[in-house]
Amino acid sequence: MSQRLTFLVRASTGAQRRLRFPDDDPIEPLAPDVGPAVAAALGRVTAALRAPGRAAADTAAAAGLDAGPEPRLASWSSGAWRGRPIEEVARDRPDAFAAWRLDPTFVPPGGDESLADVIARVGGWLDDLPDDDPERARERIVAVTDAGVVRAALVAILGTGPDVFWRFDVPPLSLTVAQRTGSAWQVRCVGCAVTPSR
């Protein structure tokens, strides 16, 4: 039995471009050739899931994916910082901002999860993917979510400490691919670019 899991990082949003904490923003308009290029890069898909947020839904639709929402793929909530400029939070709450970046047990004000909680949530979702069903042989799953969830999945798959979370470069509309044979995951690609044909 072999499963291929491809994470598609949702497209950029206005908040992201303006360096603000996300607030369930829509994606920015995409060039007409981007959606087809993403679909071609994904190839055959047997199951598609997405984070519940608007940007993930927009991205899935642009790629032609009929992706159902999966709560455990939700973004890491920034709580009371939602929609605020990152620079402003770093200036006004330097200790809390530093803790958000450096302490995996820190929960943002008004939030409900620490980084460690997000990694555990995403790792639990990975563990719950069926790995012993003969009907699912050669399954190709696509999960549309944000970069934070993809980083959390990589930490869980590789069994590293949470300090590695911030070191993965997974830009918008990139693909991160993992393959599982039996119960062992192997990472095949991290933050791979999708290039529209010219």
N, C-alpha and C. Protein backbone atom coordinates (compact mmCIF):
# COMPACT_ATOMS: atom_id res chain seq x y z
N MET A 1 0.83 -1.18 0.00
CA MET A 1 0.00 0.00 0.00
C MET A 1 0.88 1.24 0.00
N SER A 2 0.51 2.21 -0.82
CA SER A 2 1.29 3.44 -0.91
C SER A 2 0.33 4.62 -0.98
N GLN A 3 0.61 5.61 -0.18
CA GLN A 3 -0.17 6.85 -0.19
C GLN A 3 0.75 8.01 -0.53
N ARG A 4 0.26 8.88 -1.37
CA ARG A 4 1.00 10.11 -1.67
C ARG A 4 0.15 11.26 -1.15
N LEU A 5 0.73 12.07 -0.30
CA LEU A 5 0.05 13.22 0.28
C LEU A 5 0.74 14.48 -0.20
N THR A 6 -0.02 15.32 -0.89
CA THR A 6 0.52 16.58 -1.40
C THR A 6 -0.17 17.74 -0.71
N PHE A 7 0.60 18.56 -0.05
CA PHE A 7 0.08 19.80 0.53
C PHE A 7 0.23 20.91 -0.50
N LEU A 8 -0.86 21.60 -0.78
CA LEU A 8 -0.85 22.78 -1.63
C LEU A 8 -1.04 24.00 -0.73
N VAL A 9 -0.03 24.85 -0.66
CA VAL A 9 -0.13 26.06 0.17
C VAL A 9 -1.07 27.04 -0.53
N ARG A 10 -2.02 27.54 0.20
CA ARG A 10 -3.01 28.45 -0.37
C ARG A 10 -2.34 29.66 -0.99
N ALA A 11 -3.03 30.27 -1.94
CA ALA A 11 -2.51 31.44 -2.64
C ALA A 11 -2.39 32.64 -1.70
N SER A 12 -1.65 33.62 -2.13
CA SER A 12 -1.41 34.82 -1.31
C SER A 12 -2.71 35.61 -1.08
N THR A 13 -2.74 36.29 0.05
CA THR A 13 -3.86 37.17 0.37
C THR A 13 -3.35 38.60 0.52
N GLY A 14 -4.27 39.55 0.53
CA GLY A 14 -3.88 40.94 0.73
C GLY A 14 -3.22 41.14 2.08
N ALA A 15 -3.73 40.47 3.11
CA ALA A 15 -3.15 40.60 4.45
C ALA A 15 -1.70 40.11 4.45
N GLN A 16 -1.46 39.03 3.74
CA GLN A 16 -0.11 38.49 3.67
C GLN A 16 0.83 39.48 2.97
N ARG A 17 0.37 40.06 1.89
CA ARG A 17 1.20 41.02 1.16
C ARG A 17 1.48 42.26 2.02
N ARG A 18 0.50 42.64 2.84
CA ARG A 18 0.67 43.82 3.71
C ARG A 18 1.30 43.47 5.05
N LEU A 19 1.74 42.22 5.22
CA LEU A 19 2.40 41.75 6.44
C LEU A 19 1.51 41.93 7.67
N ARG A 20 0.28 41.42 7.53
CA ARG A 20 -0.66 41.42 8.64
C ARG A 20 -0.96 39.97 9.05
N PHE A 21 -1.34 39.78 10.30
CA PHE A 21 -1.82 38.47 10.72
C PHE A 21 -3.11 38.18 9.96
N PRO A 22 -3.31 36.94 9.53
CA PRO A 22 -4.49 36.63 8.71
C PRO A 22 -5.80 36.78 9.47
N ASP A 23 -6.87 37.07 8.70
CA ASP A 23 -8.20 37.23 9.28
C ASP A 23 -9.24 36.65 8.31
N ASP A 24 -9.05 35.41 7.90
CA ASP A 24 -9.94 34.72 6.97
C ASP A 24 -10.14 35.53 5.69
N ASP A 25 -9.03 35.96 5.14
CA ASP A 25 -9.04 36.81 3.95
C ASP A 25 -9.21 35.97 2.68
N PRO A 26 -9.77 36.57 1.62
CA PRO A 26 -9.79 35.89 0.32
C PRO A 26 -8.41 35.96 -0.32
N ILE A 27 -8.18 35.13 -1.32
CA ILE A 27 -6.91 35.21 -2.03
C ILE A 27 -6.95 36.39 -2.99
N GLU A 28 -5.77 36.83 -3.38
CA GLU A 28 -5.68 37.88 -4.39
C GLU A 28 -5.93 37.26 -5.77
N PRO A 29 -6.34 38.06 -6.74
CA PRO A 29 -6.62 37.52 -8.07
C PRO A 29 -5.40 36.79 -8.64
N LEU A 30 -5.67 35.67 -9.31
CA LEU A 30 -4.62 34.88 -9.93
C LEU A 30 -4.63 35.07 -11.43
N ALA A 31 -3.47 35.00 -12.04
CA ALA A 31 -3.39 35.01 -13.50
C ALA A 31 -4.14 33.80 -14.05
N PRO A 32 -4.73 33.91 -15.24
CA PRO A 32 -5.56 32.83 -15.77
C PRO A 32 -4.85 31.49 -15.90
N ASP A 33 -3.52 31.51 -16.09
CA ASP A 33 -2.82 30.24 -16.30
C ASP A 33 -2.38 29.56 -15.01
N VAL A 34 -2.58 30.21 -13.85
CA VAL A 34 -2.08 29.65 -12.60
C VAL A 34 -2.87 28.43 -12.16
N GLY A 35 -4.21 28.54 -12.14
CA GLY A 35 -5.04 27.41 -11.73
C GLY A 35 -4.76 26.15 -12.53
N PRO A 36 -4.78 26.23 -13.88
CA PRO A 36 -4.47 25.04 -14.68
C PRO A 36 -3.07 24.50 -14.43
N ALA A 37 -2.09 25.39 -14.17
CA ALA A 37 -0.73 24.93 -13.89
C ALA A 37 -0.66 24.14 -12.59
N VAL A 38 -1.40 24.63 -11.57
CA VAL A 38 -1.44 23.90 -10.30
C VAL A 38 -2.10 22.54 -10.50
N ALA A 39 -3.22 22.52 -11.21
CA ALA A 39 -3.92 21.25 -11.46
C ALA A 39 -3.02 20.27 -12.19
N ALA A 40 -2.26 20.75 -13.18
CA ALA A 40 -1.36 19.87 -13.92
C ALA A 40 -0.25 19.34 -13.02
N ALA A 41 0.28 20.19 -12.14
CA ALA A 41 1.34 19.75 -11.23
C ALA A 41 0.84 18.71 -10.24
N LEU A 42 -0.41 18.84 -9.83
CA LEU A 42 -0.98 17.87 -8.88
C LEU A 42 -1.22 16.51 -9.55
N GLY A 43 -1.55 16.52 -10.82
CA GLY A 43 -1.82 15.25 -11.51
C GLY A 43 -3.08 14.58 -10.99
N ARG A 44 -3.04 13.25 -11.00
CA ARG A 44 -4.22 12.48 -10.56
C ARG A 44 -4.43 12.66 -9.06
N VAL A 45 -5.67 12.95 -8.68
CA VAL A 45 -6.04 13.15 -7.28
C VAL A 45 -7.19 12.20 -6.95
N THR A 46 -7.04 11.43 -5.88
CA THR A 46 -8.14 10.53 -5.49
C THR A 46 -8.96 11.09 -4.33
N ALA A 47 -8.39 12.03 -3.57
CA ALA A 47 -9.13 12.66 -2.46
C ALA A 47 -8.54 14.05 -2.24
N ALA A 48 -9.41 15.02 -1.99
CA ALA A 48 -8.96 16.39 -1.76
C ALA A 48 -9.64 16.95 -0.51
N LEU A 49 -8.84 17.57 0.32
CA LEU A 49 -9.33 18.20 1.55
C LEU A 49 -8.75 19.60 1.61
N ARG A 50 -9.35 20.44 2.43
CA ARG A 50 -8.85 21.80 2.58
C ARG A 50 -9.10 22.30 3.99
N ALA A 51 -8.36 23.32 4.35
CA ALA A 51 -8.63 24.04 5.59
C ALA A 51 -9.99 24.72 5.47
N PRO A 52 -10.66 24.97 6.61
CA PRO A 52 -11.99 25.59 6.53
C PRO A 52 -12.00 27.04 6.07
N GLY A 53 -10.87 27.73 6.10
CA GLY A 53 -10.83 29.15 5.80
C GLY A 53 -11.10 29.49 4.34
N ARG A 54 -11.40 30.77 4.12
CA ARG A 54 -11.78 31.26 2.79
C ARG A 54 -10.64 31.14 1.77
N ALA A 55 -9.41 31.44 2.18
CA ALA A 55 -8.29 31.39 1.24
C ALA A 55 -8.05 29.98 0.74
N ALA A 56 -8.19 29.00 1.61
CA ALA A 56 -8.01 27.61 1.18
C ALA A 56 -9.13 27.20 0.23
N ALA A 57 -10.35 27.63 0.51
CA ALA A 57 -11.47 27.32 -0.38
C ALA A 57 -11.27 27.97 -1.75
N ASP A 58 -10.83 29.22 -1.76
CA ASP A 58 -10.57 29.92 -3.02
C ASP A 58 -9.49 29.23 -3.83
N THR A 59 -8.43 28.80 -3.15
CA THR A 59 -7.30 28.15 -3.82
C THR A 59 -7.71 26.80 -4.40
N ALA A 60 -8.46 26.03 -3.62
CA ALA A 60 -8.94 24.73 -4.10
C ALA A 60 -9.80 24.92 -5.35
N ALA A 61 -10.69 25.90 -5.31
CA ALA A 61 -11.55 26.15 -6.46
C ALA A 61 -10.74 26.56 -7.69
N ALA A 62 -9.72 27.39 -7.49
CA ALA A 62 -8.89 27.84 -8.61
C ALA A 62 -8.14 26.67 -9.25
N ALA A 63 -7.80 25.66 -8.43
CA ALA A 63 -7.10 24.48 -8.94
C ALA A 63 -8.05 23.41 -9.44
N GLY A 64 -9.36 23.68 -9.40
CA GLY A 64 -10.35 22.72 -9.88
C GLY A 64 -10.54 21.53 -8.96
N LEU A 65 -10.25 21.72 -7.66
CA LEU A 65 -10.38 20.63 -6.69
C LEU A 65 -11.73 20.69 -5.99
N ASP A 66 -12.39 19.57 -5.90
CA ASP A 66 -13.61 19.45 -5.10
C ASP A 66 -13.18 19.00 -3.71
N ALA A 67 -12.72 19.97 -2.91
CA ALA A 67 -12.09 19.67 -1.62
C ALA A 67 -13.04 19.97 -0.47
N GLY A 68 -13.27 18.98 0.36
CA GLY A 68 -14.11 19.17 1.54
C GLY A 68 -13.31 19.75 2.69
N PRO A 69 -13.96 20.54 3.57
CA PRO A 69 -13.24 21.15 4.69
C PRO A 69 -12.85 20.11 5.74
N GLU A 70 -11.65 20.24 6.27
CA GLU A 70 -11.14 19.38 7.34
C GLU A 70 -10.67 20.29 8.48
N PRO A 71 -11.37 20.30 9.61
CA PRO A 71 -11.04 21.23 10.70
C PRO A 71 -9.59 21.13 11.18
N ARG A 72 -9.00 19.94 11.12
CA ARG A 72 -7.64 19.79 11.64
C ARG A 72 -6.58 20.38 10.70
N LEU A 73 -7.00 20.85 9.53
CA LEU A 73 -6.09 21.57 8.63
C LEU A 73 -6.22 23.09 8.79
N ALA A 74 -6.97 23.53 9.79
CA ALA A 74 -7.19 24.97 10.00
C ALA A 74 -5.89 25.68 10.37
N SER A 75 -5.83 26.95 10.01
CA SER A 75 -4.67 27.78 10.34
C SER A 75 -4.50 27.91 11.84
N TRP A 76 -3.28 28.20 12.25
CA TRP A 76 -2.98 28.50 13.66
C TRP A 76 -3.58 29.87 13.95
N SER A 77 -4.52 29.92 14.86
CA SER A 77 -5.21 31.17 15.17
C SER A 77 -4.27 32.16 15.84
N SER A 78 -4.31 33.40 15.39
CA SER A 78 -3.51 34.45 16.02
C SER A 78 -4.32 35.22 17.06
N GLY A 79 -5.52 34.74 17.38
CA GLY A 79 -6.31 35.33 18.46
C GLY A 79 -6.57 36.81 18.27
N ALA A 80 -6.27 37.61 19.30
CA ALA A 80 -6.53 39.04 19.27
C ALA A 80 -5.66 39.78 18.26
N TRP A 81 -4.66 39.11 17.73
CA TRP A 81 -3.78 39.75 16.74
C TRP A 81 -4.33 39.64 15.32
N ARG A 82 -5.42 38.97 15.13
CA ARG A 82 -5.98 38.79 13.78
C ARG A 82 -6.15 40.13 13.08
N GLY A 83 -5.63 40.21 11.85
CA GLY A 83 -5.77 41.40 11.02
C GLY A 83 -4.82 42.53 11.34
N ARG A 84 -4.06 42.42 12.44
CA ARG A 84 -3.16 43.50 12.82
C ARG A 84 -1.83 43.39 12.09
N PRO A 85 -1.18 44.53 11.81
CA PRO A 85 0.15 44.47 11.20
C PRO A 85 1.13 43.75 12.12
N ILE A 86 1.92 42.86 11.56
CA ILE A 86 2.89 42.11 12.36
C ILE A 86 3.88 43.05 13.03
N GLU A 87 4.33 44.05 12.28
CA GLU A 87 5.29 45.02 12.85
C GLU A 87 4.70 45.75 14.05
N GLU A 88 3.41 46.07 13.99
CA GLU A 88 2.75 46.77 15.09
C GLU A 88 2.70 45.90 16.34
N VAL A 89 2.36 44.63 16.16
CA VAL A 89 2.31 43.71 17.31
C VAL A 89 3.70 43.54 17.90
N ALA A 90 4.71 43.39 17.04
CA ALA A 90 6.09 43.23 17.52
C ALA A 90 6.54 44.47 18.30
N ARG A 91 6.08 45.66 17.89
CA ARG A 91 6.45 46.90 18.57
C ARG A 91 5.67 47.07 19.89
N ASP A 92 4.35 46.81 19.85
CA ASP A 92 3.52 47.07 21.02
C ASP A 92 3.59 45.97 22.07
N ARG A 93 3.82 44.75 21.62
CA ARG A 93 3.87 43.60 22.55
C ARG A 93 5.15 42.79 22.31
N PRO A 94 6.32 43.39 22.50
CA PRO A 94 7.57 42.70 22.13
C PRO A 94 7.78 41.39 22.86
N ASP A 95 7.44 41.34 24.15
CA ASP A 95 7.65 40.10 24.90
C ASP A 95 6.73 38.99 24.39
N ALA A 96 5.46 39.34 24.16
CA ALA A 96 4.51 38.34 23.67
C ALA A 96 4.88 37.89 22.26
N PHE A 97 5.29 38.84 21.43
CA PHE A 97 5.67 38.49 20.06
C PHE A 97 6.88 37.57 20.06
N ALA A 98 7.86 37.87 20.89
CA ALA A 98 9.04 37.01 20.99
C ALA A 98 8.65 35.62 21.48
N ALA A 99 7.74 35.56 22.44
CA ALA A 99 7.29 34.25 22.94
C ALA A 99 6.58 33.47 21.85
N TRP A 100 5.79 34.16 21.02
CA TRP A 100 5.09 33.49 19.91
C TRP A 100 6.09 32.84 18.96
N ARG A 101 7.21 33.50 18.74
CA ARG A 101 8.23 32.96 17.83
C ARG A 101 9.13 31.91 18.48
N LEU A 102 9.35 32.02 19.80
CA LEU A 102 10.40 31.21 20.43
C LEU A 102 9.90 30.16 21.42
N ASP A 103 8.70 30.34 21.96
CA ASP A 103 8.18 29.42 22.97
C ASP A 103 7.05 28.59 22.38
N PRO A 104 7.27 27.30 22.12
CA PRO A 104 6.23 26.49 21.48
C PRO A 104 5.00 26.24 22.35
N THR A 105 5.06 26.63 23.64
CA THR A 105 3.89 26.46 24.51
C THR A 105 3.09 27.75 24.65
N PHE A 106 3.55 28.84 24.02
CA PHE A 106 2.87 30.13 24.14
C PHE A 106 1.60 30.16 23.29
N VAL A 107 0.51 30.63 23.89
CA VAL A 107 -0.75 30.80 23.17
C VAL A 107 -0.97 32.30 22.95
N PRO A 108 -1.16 32.74 21.70
CA PRO A 108 -1.39 34.17 21.46
C PRO A 108 -2.60 34.68 22.25
N PRO A 109 -2.59 35.94 22.69
CA PRO A 109 -3.73 36.48 23.43
C PRO A 109 -5.03 36.28 22.65
N GLY A 110 -6.02 35.72 23.33
CA GLY A 110 -7.30 35.47 22.68
C GLY A 110 -7.31 34.24 21.80
N GLY A 111 -6.18 33.58 21.66
CA GLY A 111 -6.11 32.36 20.86
C GLY A 111 -6.41 31.13 21.69
N ASP A 112 -6.37 29.97 21.05
CA ASP A 112 -6.68 28.74 21.77
C ASP A 112 -5.66 27.63 21.56
N GLU A 113 -4.56 27.94 20.83
CA GLU A 113 -3.56 26.91 20.58
C GLU A 113 -2.16 27.50 20.61
N SER A 114 -1.25 26.72 21.16
CA SER A 114 0.17 27.03 21.04
C SER A 114 0.70 26.35 19.78
N LEU A 115 1.95 26.64 19.44
CA LEU A 115 2.58 25.95 18.32
C LEU A 115 2.62 24.45 18.57
N ALA A 116 2.94 24.06 19.79
CA ALA A 116 2.97 22.63 20.12
C ALA A 116 1.60 21.99 19.91
N ASP A 117 0.54 22.72 20.23
CA ASP A 117 -0.82 22.21 20.02
C ASP A 117 -1.11 22.02 18.53
N VAL A 118 -0.68 22.97 17.71
CA VAL A 118 -0.91 22.88 16.27
C VAL A 118 -0.18 21.67 15.69
N ILE A 119 1.06 21.49 16.10
CA ILE A 119 1.83 20.34 15.62
C ILE A 119 1.15 19.03 16.03
N ALA A 120 0.66 18.98 17.27
CA ALA A 120 -0.04 17.77 17.74
C ALA A 120 -1.33 17.54 16.96
N ARG A 121 -2.06 18.62 16.68
CA ARG A 121 -3.32 18.50 15.93
C ARG A 121 -3.07 17.97 14.52
N VAL A 122 -2.11 18.56 13.83
CA VAL A 122 -1.82 18.14 12.46
C VAL A 122 -1.20 16.74 12.46
N GLY A 123 -0.35 16.45 13.42
CA GLY A 123 0.21 15.11 13.53
C GLY A 123 -0.86 14.07 13.78
N GLY A 124 -1.86 14.41 14.59
CA GLY A 124 -2.98 13.49 14.82
C GLY A 124 -3.76 13.21 13.56
N TRP A 125 -3.94 14.27 12.75
CA TRP A 125 -4.64 14.07 11.47
C TRP A 125 -3.84 13.13 10.57
N LEU A 126 -2.53 13.31 10.51
CA LEU A 126 -1.69 12.42 9.71
C LEU A 126 -1.81 10.97 10.21
N ASP A 127 -1.79 10.81 11.53
CA ASP A 127 -1.88 9.46 12.10
C ASP A 127 -3.21 8.80 11.78
N ASP A 128 -4.26 9.61 11.64
CA ASP A 128 -5.60 9.07 11.39
C ASP A 128 -5.86 8.74 9.92
N LEU A 129 -4.96 9.14 9.03
CA LEU A 129 -5.14 8.75 7.63
C LEU A 129 -5.02 7.23 7.53
N PRO A 130 -6.00 6.54 6.97
CA PRO A 130 -5.94 5.06 6.93
C PRO A 130 -4.69 4.58 6.21
N ASP A 131 -4.01 3.59 6.82
CA ASP A 131 -2.79 3.08 6.20
C ASP A 131 -2.82 1.57 5.97
N ASP A 132 -3.98 0.96 6.20
CA ASP A 132 -4.03 -0.50 6.07
C ASP A 132 -5.23 -0.97 5.26
N ASP A 133 -5.79 -0.08 4.45
CA ASP A 133 -6.97 -0.42 3.66
C ASP A 133 -6.54 -0.73 2.22
N PRO A 134 -6.67 -1.99 1.78
CA PRO A 134 -6.25 -2.33 0.40
C PRO A 134 -6.96 -1.51 -0.66
N GLU A 135 -8.18 -1.05 -0.37
CA GLU A 135 -8.92 -0.25 -1.33
C GLU A 135 -8.27 1.13 -1.55
N ARG A 136 -7.40 1.51 -0.63
CA ARG A 136 -6.76 2.83 -0.73
C ARG A 136 -5.34 2.75 -1.29
N ALA A 137 -4.98 1.60 -1.83
CA ALA A 137 -3.66 1.46 -2.43
C ALA A 137 -3.50 2.49 -3.55
N ARG A 138 -2.33 3.06 -3.63
CA ARG A 138 -2.01 4.08 -4.64
C ARG A 138 -2.86 5.34 -4.49
N GLU A 139 -3.28 5.62 -3.29
CA GLU A 139 -4.10 6.82 -3.04
C GLU A 139 -3.24 8.08 -3.19
N ARG A 140 -3.85 9.11 -3.78
CA ARG A 140 -3.17 10.40 -3.96
C ARG A 140 -4.06 11.49 -3.36
N ILE A 141 -3.66 11.94 -2.19
CA ILE A 141 -4.44 12.90 -1.41
C ILE A 141 -3.84 14.29 -1.58
N VAL A 142 -4.69 15.29 -1.74
CA VAL A 142 -4.25 16.69 -1.76
C VAL A 142 -4.90 17.40 -0.59
N ALA A 143 -4.09 18.17 0.16
CA ALA A 143 -4.58 18.96 1.28
C ALA A 143 -4.21 20.41 1.03
N VAL A 144 -5.21 21.27 0.92
CA VAL A 144 -5.00 22.70 0.67
C VAL A 144 -5.08 23.43 2.01
N THR A 145 -4.01 24.09 2.38
CA THR A 145 -3.97 24.75 3.68
C THR A 145 -2.92 25.84 3.65
N ASP A 146 -2.59 26.41 4.81
CA ASP A 146 -1.60 27.47 4.80
C ASP A 146 -0.21 26.95 5.18
N ALA A 147 0.77 27.83 5.07
CA ALA A 147 2.16 27.43 5.28
C ALA A 147 2.40 26.90 6.69
N GLY A 148 1.73 27.48 7.69
CA GLY A 148 1.93 27.03 9.06
C GLY A 148 1.53 25.58 9.27
N VAL A 149 0.44 25.17 8.66
CA VAL A 149 0.00 23.79 8.79
C VAL A 149 0.97 22.84 8.07
N VAL A 150 1.47 23.28 6.93
CA VAL A 150 2.45 22.46 6.20
C VAL A 150 3.71 22.31 7.03
N ARG A 151 4.18 23.39 7.64
CA ARG A 151 5.36 23.29 8.51
C ARG A 151 5.10 22.36 9.69
N ALA A 152 3.92 22.46 10.27
CA ALA A 152 3.57 21.58 11.39
C ALA A 152 3.57 20.12 10.96
N ALA A 153 3.06 19.85 9.76
CA ALA A 153 3.05 18.48 9.24
C ALA A 153 4.48 17.96 9.05
N LEU A 154 5.37 18.81 8.54
CA LEU A 154 6.75 18.39 8.35
C LEU A 154 7.43 18.08 9.68
N VAL A 155 7.18 18.91 10.70
CA VAL A 155 7.72 18.64 12.03
C VAL A 155 7.22 17.29 12.54
N ALA A 156 5.91 17.02 12.35
CA ALA A 156 5.35 15.76 12.82
C ALA A 156 5.91 14.57 12.05
N ILE A 157 6.01 14.70 10.74
CA ILE A 157 6.50 13.60 9.91
C ILE A 157 7.97 13.28 10.22
N LEU A 158 8.78 14.33 10.36
CA LEU A 158 10.21 14.14 10.57
C LEU A 158 10.56 13.86 12.02
N GLY A 159 9.61 14.10 12.93
CA GLY A 159 9.87 13.84 14.34
C GLY A 159 10.89 14.78 14.95
N THR A 160 10.96 15.99 14.43
CA THR A 160 11.91 16.98 14.94
C THR A 160 11.27 17.78 16.07
N GLY A 161 12.05 18.64 16.70
CA GLY A 161 11.51 19.54 17.70
C GLY A 161 10.80 20.70 17.04
N PRO A 162 9.93 21.39 17.79
CA PRO A 162 9.15 22.50 17.21
C PRO A 162 10.01 23.68 16.78
N ASP A 163 11.27 23.77 17.25
CA ASP A 163 12.13 24.88 16.84
C ASP A 163 12.41 24.86 15.34
N VAL A 164 12.24 23.71 14.69
CA VAL A 164 12.48 23.58 13.25
C VAL A 164 11.33 24.18 12.44
N PHE A 165 10.18 24.36 13.06
CA PHE A 165 8.96 24.83 12.38
C PHE A 165 9.22 26.03 11.48
N TRP A 166 9.94 27.03 11.97
CA TRP A 166 10.12 28.28 11.25
C TRP A 166 11.15 28.18 10.13
N ARG A 167 11.83 27.06 9.99
CA ARG A 167 12.95 26.94 9.04
C ARG A 167 12.54 26.41 7.67
N PHE A 168 11.30 25.98 7.53
CA PHE A 168 10.84 25.45 6.24
C PHE A 168 10.31 26.59 5.38
N ASP A 169 10.75 26.64 4.13
CA ASP A 169 10.28 27.65 3.18
C ASP A 169 9.20 27.02 2.31
N VAL A 170 7.96 27.38 2.57
CA VAL A 170 6.83 26.82 1.82
C VAL A 170 5.96 27.99 1.33
N PRO A 171 6.34 28.62 0.22
CA PRO A 171 5.64 29.81 -0.26
C PRO A 171 4.25 29.51 -0.81
N PRO A 172 3.46 30.56 -1.03
CA PRO A 172 2.11 30.38 -1.59
C PRO A 172 2.15 29.60 -2.90
N LEU A 173 1.17 28.72 -3.07
CA LEU A 173 0.99 27.88 -4.25
C LEU A 173 2.14 26.90 -4.49
N SER A 174 2.94 26.65 -3.47
CA SER A 174 3.97 25.62 -3.59
C SER A 174 3.40 24.27 -3.15
N LEU A 175 4.10 23.22 -3.53
CA LEU A 175 3.70 21.86 -3.19
C LEU A 175 4.72 21.24 -2.25
N THR A 176 4.24 20.55 -1.24
CA THR A 176 5.08 19.75 -0.36
C THR A 176 4.51 18.33 -0.40
N VAL A 177 5.36 17.37 -0.72
CA VAL A 177 4.90 16.01 -1.01
C VAL A 177 5.53 15.03 -0.04
N ALA A 178 4.70 14.15 0.51
CA ALA A 178 5.17 13.05 1.35
C ALA A 178 4.55 11.75 0.84
N GLN A 179 5.31 10.69 0.93
CA GLN A 179 4.85 9.36 0.48
C GLN A 179 4.88 8.42 1.68
N ARG A 180 3.84 7.62 1.82
CA ARG A 180 3.81 6.65 2.91
C ARG A 180 3.63 5.26 2.36
N THR A 181 4.53 4.38 2.76
CA THR A 181 4.41 2.96 2.49
C THR A 181 4.32 2.27 3.84
N GLY A 182 3.21 1.61 4.11
CA GLY A 182 2.98 1.08 5.45
C GLY A 182 2.74 2.24 6.39
N SER A 183 3.53 2.31 7.46
CA SER A 183 3.34 3.39 8.44
C SER A 183 4.45 4.43 8.37
N ALA A 184 5.39 4.29 7.45
CA ALA A 184 6.54 5.19 7.39
C ALA A 184 6.36 6.25 6.30
N TRP A 185 6.48 7.51 6.69
CA TRP A 185 6.41 8.62 5.75
C TRP A 185 7.81 8.96 5.25
N GLN A 186 7.91 9.34 4.01
CA GLN A 186 9.14 9.85 3.42
C GLN A 186 8.80 11.17 2.74
N VAL A 187 9.56 12.22 3.05
CA VAL A 187 9.32 13.53 2.44
C VAL A 187 10.04 13.57 1.11
N ARG A 188 9.30 13.88 0.06
CA ARG A 188 9.87 13.87 -1.29
C ARG A 188 10.15 15.26 -1.84
N CYS A 189 9.44 16.25 -1.33
CA CYS A 189 9.56 17.60 -1.89
C CYS A 189 9.02 18.60 -0.87
N VAL A 190 9.74 19.70 -0.66
CA VAL A 190 9.29 20.74 0.28
C VAL A 190 9.28 22.09 -0.44
N GLY A 191 8.12 22.72 -0.49
CA GLY A 191 8.01 24.05 -1.08
C GLY A 191 8.34 24.10 -2.56
N CYS A 192 8.00 23.04 -3.30
CA CYS A 192 8.32 22.98 -4.72
C CYS A 192 7.43 23.93 -5.51
N ALA A 193 8.04 24.67 -6.40
CA ALA A 193 7.32 25.70 -7.15
C ALA A 193 6.47 25.09 -8.26
N VAL A 194 5.35 25.74 -8.52
CA VAL A 194 4.49 25.41 -9.66
C VAL A 194 4.70 26.49 -10.70
N THR A 195 5.13 26.13 -11.88
CA THR A 195 5.42 27.11 -12.94
C THR A 195 4.44 26.97 -14.09
N PRO A 196 3.63 27.99 -14.34
CA PRO A 196 2.74 27.93 -15.50
C PRO A 196 3.53 27.79 -16.79
N SER A 197 3.00 27.02 -17.73
CA SER A 197 3.67 26.88 -19.02
C SER A 197 3.53 28.18 -19.81
N ARG A 198 4.52 28.47 -20.61
CA ARG A 198 4.51 29.71 -21.41
C ARG A 198 4.44 29.38 -22.88
